Amino acid sequence: PGSTTMASEGQLYPIAVLIDELKNEEVACRLNSVKRLSTIAVALGAERTRDELIPFLTEMLDDEEDEVLLALAEQLNERFVELVGGPSHAAVLLEPLETLCNAEEPTVRDKAVASLCAIAGALSSEIIAQHYVPLVLRMSRGDFVSSRAASTGLYATIYPNVDARVKTELRESFSALCRDNSPLVRR
């Protein structure tokens, strides 16, 4: 029994180091750890990834280094869906990506939008209606220009997968974005 405990502790130690590196002051350390998120998620398992890692990452989004935020937006994509337990649990990935869509840096926003679009392809129509459509509408009506601009890239992905009532609501919302005061949103 003792050697089994030591073996599992030995296997988890590198994961603990990667998690600690997510908090490190050095950008290179944080970047290294973000690029290995899938390794951390596999070691933690789907439930702990959903319950612990994703909330931790969401809290970490105040990182001021665009390079770290870009790497995070790249990692939280459709490949991460299986690591959180499959499409039925993929909605947990939407909150951190929505936050990344508010980033000032356009490359971070663009990568977050690309990841959200890729994740949408793995979701059922029910999950799209419950979680993704409210996200798109919330972003479209947001106070931040960056949020409204990012939302424009999400409509085409979900439009074919929603019912007629929601399509009408999405068209009205998109139409409002086309008339937005900011040229960044209208582009």
Protein backbone atom coordinates (compact mmCIF):
# COMPACT_ATOMS: atom_id res chain seq x y z
CA PRO A 1 0.00 0.00 0.00
CA GLY A 2 2.77 2.47 0.83
CA SER A 3 4.56 2.08 -2.50
CA THR A 4 1.32 2.68 -4.44
CA THR A 5 0.80 5.95 -2.60
CA MET A 6 4.39 6.98 -3.25
CA ALA A 7 4.06 6.06 -6.94
CA SER A 8 0.93 8.16 -7.41
CA GLU A 9 2.50 11.04 -5.46
CA GLY A 10 5.55 10.75 -7.71
CA GLN A 11 3.34 10.93 -10.80
CA LEU A 12 1.42 13.94 -9.51
CA TYR A 13 4.49 15.93 -8.49
CA PRO A 14 5.26 17.17 -12.04
CA ILE A 15 1.60 18.22 -12.35
CA ALA A 16 1.84 20.17 -9.08
CA VAL A 17 4.92 21.92 -10.47
CA LEU A 18 3.04 22.89 -13.66
CA ILE A 19 0.12 24.21 -11.61
CA ASP A 20 2.52 26.21 -9.42
CA GLU A 21 4.13 27.62 -12.58
CA LEU A 22 0.72 29.03 -13.58
CA LYS A 23 1.10 31.37 -10.57
CA ASN A 24 4.78 32.20 -11.14
CA GLU A 25 5.87 35.82 -11.55
CA GLU A 26 8.03 34.88 -14.54
CA VAL A 27 6.12 35.12 -17.82
CA ALA A 28 8.13 32.27 -19.34
CA CYS A 29 7.11 29.92 -16.52
CA ARG A 30 3.42 30.82 -16.82
CA LEU A 31 3.60 30.45 -20.59
CA ASN A 32 5.26 27.03 -20.32
CA SER A 33 2.58 25.81 -17.96
CA VAL A 34 -0.31 27.17 -20.06
CA LYS A 35 1.09 25.38 -23.10
CA ARG A 36 0.92 22.12 -21.10
CA LEU A 37 -2.65 22.52 -19.84
CA SER A 38 -3.77 19.35 -21.57
CA THR A 39 -1.16 17.39 -19.60
CA ILE A 40 -2.46 18.91 -16.37
CA ALA A 41 -6.06 18.17 -17.36
CA VAL A 42 -5.33 14.54 -18.21
CA ALA A 43 -3.59 14.03 -14.87
CA LEU A 44 -6.43 15.68 -12.94
CA GLY A 45 -9.21 13.87 -14.78
CA ALA A 46 -12.34 15.41 -16.26
CA GLU A 47 -14.17 16.15 -12.99
CA ARG A 48 -11.25 17.90 -11.28
CA THR A 49 -10.48 19.75 -14.52
CA ARG A 50 -14.05 21.11 -14.55
CA ASP A 51 -14.28 21.76 -10.81
CA GLU A 52 -10.76 23.01 -10.07
CA LEU A 53 -8.61 23.77 -13.11
CA ILE A 54 -11.12 25.74 -15.22
CA PRO A 55 -12.21 27.98 -12.29
CA PHE A 56 -8.53 28.53 -11.44
CA LEU A 57 -7.81 29.51 -15.05
CA THR A 58 -10.81 31.83 -15.07
CA GLU A 59 -9.44 33.61 -11.99
CA MET A 60 -6.04 33.85 -13.65
CA LEU A 61 -7.41 35.83 -16.61
CA ASP A 62 -6.35 39.13 -15.11
CA ASP A 63 -2.83 38.27 -16.29
CA GLU A 64 -1.49 41.34 -17.99
CA GLU A 65 0.75 39.44 -20.37
CA ASP A 66 -0.93 39.12 -23.76
CA GLU A 67 1.39 36.24 -24.65
CA VAL A 68 0.03 34.18 -21.73
CA LEU A 69 -3.58 35.09 -22.57
CA LEU A 70 -3.04 34.18 -26.23
CA ALA A 71 -1.61 30.78 -25.27
CA LEU A 72 -4.59 30.20 -22.97
CA ALA A 73 -7.06 31.07 -25.75
CA GLU A 74 -5.21 28.63 -28.02
CA GLN A 75 -5.33 25.82 -25.47
CA LEU A 76 -9.02 26.10 -24.54
CA ASN A 77 -10.31 24.85 -27.88
CA GLU A 78 -12.24 21.87 -29.22
CA ARG A 79 -9.49 19.45 -28.13
CA PHE A 80 -10.12 20.52 -24.52
CA VAL A 81 -13.79 19.45 -24.76
CA GLU A 82 -12.88 15.81 -24.11
CA LEU A 83 -10.61 16.80 -21.22
CA VAL A 84 -13.56 18.34 -19.35
CA GLY A 85 -15.71 15.24 -19.87
CA GLY A 86 -17.07 15.65 -23.39
CA PRO A 87 -19.63 17.86 -25.10
CA SER A 88 -22.16 17.60 -22.26
CA HIS A 89 -19.67 19.42 -19.98
CA ALA A 90 -18.08 21.74 -22.54
CA ALA A 91 -20.07 24.76 -21.34
CA VAL A 92 -17.48 25.21 -18.56
CA LEU A 93 -15.04 26.36 -21.24
CA LEU A 94 -17.28 29.23 -22.35
CA GLU A 95 -16.76 31.53 -19.36
CA PRO A 96 -12.97 31.83 -19.59
CA LEU A 97 -13.16 32.23 -23.37
CA GLU A 98 -15.83 34.92 -23.03
CA THR A 99 -13.50 36.79 -20.69
CA LEU A 100 -10.66 36.44 -23.20
CA CYS A 101 -12.95 37.93 -25.86
CA ASN A 102 -12.86 41.15 -23.81
CA ALA A 103 -9.08 41.42 -24.03
CA GLU A 104 -7.66 44.62 -25.47
CA GLU A 105 -5.19 42.74 -27.66
CA PRO A 106 -6.88 41.79 -30.96
CA THR A 107 -4.86 38.58 -31.40
CA VAL A 108 -6.10 37.31 -28.02
CA ARG A 109 -9.71 38.16 -28.90
CA ASP A 110 -9.41 36.56 -32.34
CA LYS A 111 -7.98 33.34 -30.91
CA ALA A 112 -10.69 33.22 -28.22
CA VAL A 113 -13.35 33.63 -30.94
CA ALA A 114 -11.72 30.87 -33.00
CA SER A 115 -11.72 28.56 -29.96
CA LEU A 116 -15.38 29.36 -29.19
CA CYS A 117 -16.32 28.62 -32.81
CA ALA A 118 -14.43 25.32 -32.73
CA ILE A 119 -16.09 24.32 -29.45
CA ALA A 120 -19.53 25.16 -30.86
CA GLY A 121 -19.00 22.45 -33.46
CA ALA A 122 -18.82 19.86 -30.68
CA LEU A 123 -21.95 21.02 -28.85
CA SER A 124 -25.48 19.69 -29.14
CA SER A 125 -28.28 22.02 -30.21
CA GLU A 126 -29.58 21.89 -26.63
CA ILE A 127 -26.29 23.07 -25.11
CA ILE A 128 -25.97 25.74 -27.79
CA ALA A 129 -29.44 27.03 -26.87
CA GLN A 130 -28.81 26.85 -23.10
CA HIS A 131 -25.29 28.24 -22.91
CA TYR A 132 -23.84 29.47 -26.20
CA VAL A 133 -26.71 31.65 -27.45
CA PRO A 134 -26.92 33.56 -24.13
CA LEU A 135 -23.13 34.07 -24.30
CA VAL A 136 -23.37 35.52 -27.84
CA LEU A 137 -26.28 37.80 -26.91
CA ARG A 138 -24.57 38.93 -23.69
CA MET A 139 -21.37 39.76 -25.57
CA SER A 140 -23.34 41.54 -28.31
CA ARG A 141 -24.98 43.79 -25.75
CA GLY A 142 -21.87 44.28 -23.65
CA ASP A 143 -20.43 47.61 -22.58
CA PHE A 144 -17.00 46.86 -24.01
CA VAL A 145 -16.38 47.48 -27.71
CA SER A 146 -14.03 44.48 -27.70
CA SER A 147 -16.84 42.20 -26.52
CA ARG A 148 -19.28 43.43 -29.15
CA ALA A 149 -16.64 43.17 -31.87
CA ALA A 150 -15.72 39.63 -30.84
CA SER A 151 -19.37 38.56 -30.77
CA THR A 152 -19.75 39.25 -34.49
CA GLY A 153 -17.49 36.27 -35.22
CA LEU A 154 -19.72 33.84 -33.31
CA TYR A 155 -23.07 34.18 -35.08
CA ALA A 156 -22.38 32.15 -38.23
CA THR A 157 -21.23 29.14 -36.22
CA ILE A 158 -24.43 28.73 -34.23
CA TYR A 159 -27.08 30.14 -36.55
CA PRO A 160 -27.75 26.86 -38.41
CA ASN A 161 -28.17 24.98 -35.10
CA VAL A 162 -30.96 27.00 -33.48
CA ASP A 163 -34.73 27.13 -33.92
CA ALA A 164 -36.65 29.81 -35.86
CA ARG A 165 -37.41 31.94 -32.78
CA VAL A 166 -33.74 32.09 -31.77
CA LYS A 167 -32.71 32.78 -35.39
CA THR A 168 -34.96 35.85 -35.33
CA GLU A 169 -33.41 37.02 -32.07
CA LEU A 170 -29.90 36.47 -33.45
CA ARG A 171 -30.69 38.38 -36.65
CA GLU A 172 -32.05 41.33 -34.64
CA SER A 173 -28.99 41.33 -32.41
CA PHE A 174 -26.59 41.09 -35.34
CA SER A 175 -28.46 43.87 -37.12
CA ALA A 176 -27.94 46.09 -34.06
CA LEU A 177 -24.20 45.32 -34.19
CA CYS A 178 -24.16 46.41 -37.84
CA ARG A 179 -25.42 49.81 -36.67
CA ASP A 180 -23.05 50.04 -33.67
CA ASN A 181 -21.34 53.39 -33.07
CA SER A 182 -17.89 51.79 -33.14
CA PRO A 183 -16.25 51.07 -36.51
CA LEU A 184 -14.39 48.18 -34.82
CA VAL A 185 -17.73 46.42 -34.26
CA ARG A 186 -19.13 47.19 -37.72
CA ARG A 187 -16.09 45.91 -39.60
